[in-house]
Amino acid sequence: VQLQASGGGLVQAGGSLRLSCAASGSTFSSYVMGWFRQAPGKEREFVAGISRTGGTTNYVDSVKGRFTISRDNAENTVYLQMSSLKPDDTAVYYCAASPGIRPSIGARDYAYWGQGTLVTVSS
């Protein structure tokens, strides 16, 4: 499956952005989807994950209540709605697809990765 992330940009603290990740080349609904991010000088970290049907989601503690992951299997797209953004959210955000069953927090469980989209939150 090929993944194309979009929607990043520059936003002020407290603002919102919605990231999208369009999938092609395979059956999108067969994959658990996740969003990861990597800030300058830091390791890539899990942000949010969603099961194949969208019935199960999980988030890193730092984004709970601010970010929402969702998917549209008819449109082969996964979204990350980000609100109340903070400067610490500044990072390159990656979408990823896993053939697993549950939305894992481990990057090694995701076999396919998009190219990343940059989110910059100014203070």
Protein backbone atom coordinates (compact mmCIF):
# COMPACT_ATOMS: atom_id res chain seq x y z
CA VAL A 1 0.00 0.00 0.00
CA GLN A 2 1.24 3.50 -0.82
CA LEU A 3 0.54 6.33 1.59
CA GLN A 4 0.47 10.06 0.92
CA ALA A 5 0.22 12.41 3.89
CA SER A 6 -0.88 16.01 3.60
CA GLY A 7 -2.30 18.89 5.60
CA GLY A 8 0.70 20.08 7.55
CA GLY A 9 1.61 23.71 7.89
CA LEU A 10 2.33 26.59 10.23
CA VAL A 11 -0.21 27.34 12.93
CA GLN A 12 -0.25 29.41 16.09
CA ALA A 13 -0.44 27.79 19.49
CA GLY A 14 -4.05 26.99 20.31
CA GLY A 15 -4.94 26.51 16.67
CA SER A 16 -6.07 23.46 14.74
CA LEU A 17 -5.00 21.43 11.74
CA ARG A 18 -6.31 18.31 10.06
CA LEU A 19 -3.88 15.89 8.54
CA SER A 20 -4.94 13.46 5.85
CA CYS A 21 -3.32 10.30 4.60
CA ALA A 22 -4.55 8.83 1.33
CA ALA A 23 -3.86 5.18 0.62
CA SER A 24 -3.63 3.42 -2.71
CA GLY A 25 -2.51 0.14 -4.16
CA SER A 26 -4.11 -2.24 -1.73
CA THR A 27 -7.22 -2.85 0.33
CA PHE A 28 -7.16 0.01 2.78
CA SER A 29 -9.64 -1.58 5.15
CA SER A 30 -7.24 -4.48 5.67
CA TYR A 31 -4.81 -2.29 7.58
CA VAL A 32 -4.60 -0.83 11.01
CA MET A 33 -3.51 2.77 10.60
CA GLY A 34 -1.34 4.94 12.76
CA TRP A 35 0.11 8.41 13.00
CA PHE A 36 3.63 8.96 14.30
CA ARG A 37 5.70 12.10 14.65
CA GLN A 38 9.35 12.99 14.86
CA ALA A 39 10.55 16.28 16.27
CA PRO A 40 14.04 17.62 15.53
CA GLY A 41 16.63 15.71 17.52
CA LYS A 42 14.09 13.26 18.90
CA GLU A 43 13.04 9.73 18.12
CA ARG A 44 9.90 8.95 16.20
CA GLU A 45 6.96 8.51 18.55
CA PHE A 46 3.51 7.04 18.27
CA VAL A 47 0.70 9.60 18.26
CA ALA A 48 -2.52 7.75 17.47
CA GLY A 49 -3.79 4.51 16.01
CA ILE A 50 -7.07 3.20 14.67
CA SER A 51 -8.34 -0.30 13.99
CA ARG A 52 -9.46 -1.55 10.60
CA THR A 53 -13.09 -0.65 11.15
CA GLY A 54 -12.41 2.46 13.18
CA GLY A 55 -14.00 0.97 16.26
CA THR A 56 -10.84 1.10 18.37
CA THR A 57 -8.50 4.02 18.76
CA ASN A 58 -5.57 4.80 21.02
CA TYR A 59 -3.45 7.84 21.68
CA VAL A 60 -0.25 8.86 23.35
CA ASP A 61 -1.08 10.56 26.64
CA SER A 62 0.25 13.94 25.52
CA VAL A 63 -2.42 14.31 22.80
CA LYS A 64 -5.44 12.75 24.49
CA GLY A 65 -8.38 15.11 24.42
CA ARG A 66 -6.75 17.27 21.75
CA PHE A 67 -6.24 14.95 18.77
CA THR A 68 -8.73 12.66 17.08
CA ILE A 69 -7.89 9.93 14.61
CA SER A 70 -10.54 8.72 12.19
CA ARG A 71 -10.76 6.86 8.92
CA ASP A 72 -13.00 6.65 5.89
CA ASN A 73 -12.60 3.25 4.31
CA ALA A 74 -14.74 4.24 1.35
CA GLU A 75 -12.31 7.07 0.61
CA ASN A 76 -9.16 5.11 1.57
CA THR A 77 -8.14 7.91 3.90
CA VAL A 78 -7.14 8.29 7.52
CA TYR A 79 -7.29 11.63 9.30
CA LEU A 80 -5.73 13.24 12.32
CA GLN A 81 -7.68 16.19 13.65
CA MET A 82 -5.41 18.23 15.88
CA SER A 83 -6.75 20.94 18.17
CA SER A 84 -5.33 23.10 20.94
CA LEU A 85 -1.94 22.74 19.34
CA LYS A 86 1.16 23.44 21.36
CA PRO A 87 4.72 24.27 20.29
CA ASP A 88 5.71 20.82 21.55
CA ASP A 89 3.53 19.33 18.81
CA THR A 90 5.95 20.66 16.20
CA ALA A 91 7.22 17.69 14.22
CA VAL A 92 7.10 15.82 10.97
CA TYR A 93 3.98 13.67 11.08
CA TYR A 94 3.92 10.29 9.36
CA CYS A 95 1.04 7.99 8.62
CA ALA A 96 1.67 4.27 8.64
CA ALA A 97 -0.16 1.05 7.86
CA SER A 98 0.03 -2.20 9.78
CA PRO A 99 -1.26 -5.63 8.77
CA GLY A 100 -1.85 -6.35 12.45
CA ILE A 101 -5.12 -6.58 14.29
CA ARG A 102 -4.80 -3.88 16.92
CA PRO A 103 -3.43 -0.33 16.63
CA SER A 104 0.04 -0.92 18.04
CA ILE A 105 2.16 1.87 19.50
CA GLY A 106 5.34 0.29 18.14
CA ALA A 107 6.75 1.64 14.88
CA ARG A 108 8.17 -1.76 14.01
CA ASP A 109 4.64 -3.15 13.72
CA TYR A 110 3.89 -0.84 10.80
CA ALA A 111 5.09 -2.08 7.43
CA TYR A 112 4.21 0.87 5.23
CA TRP A 113 4.95 4.55 5.73
CA GLY A 114 4.01 7.80 4.09
CA GLN A 115 6.52 10.53 3.34
CA GLY A 116 5.65 12.81 6.25
CA THR A 117 4.11 16.24 6.53
CA LEU A 118 5.58 19.04 8.62
CA VAL A 119 3.55 20.65 11.38
CA THR A 120 5.00 23.78 12.96
CA VAL A 121 3.28 25.37 15.95
CA SER A 122 4.44 28.85 16.84
CA SER A 123 4.17 30.28 20.34
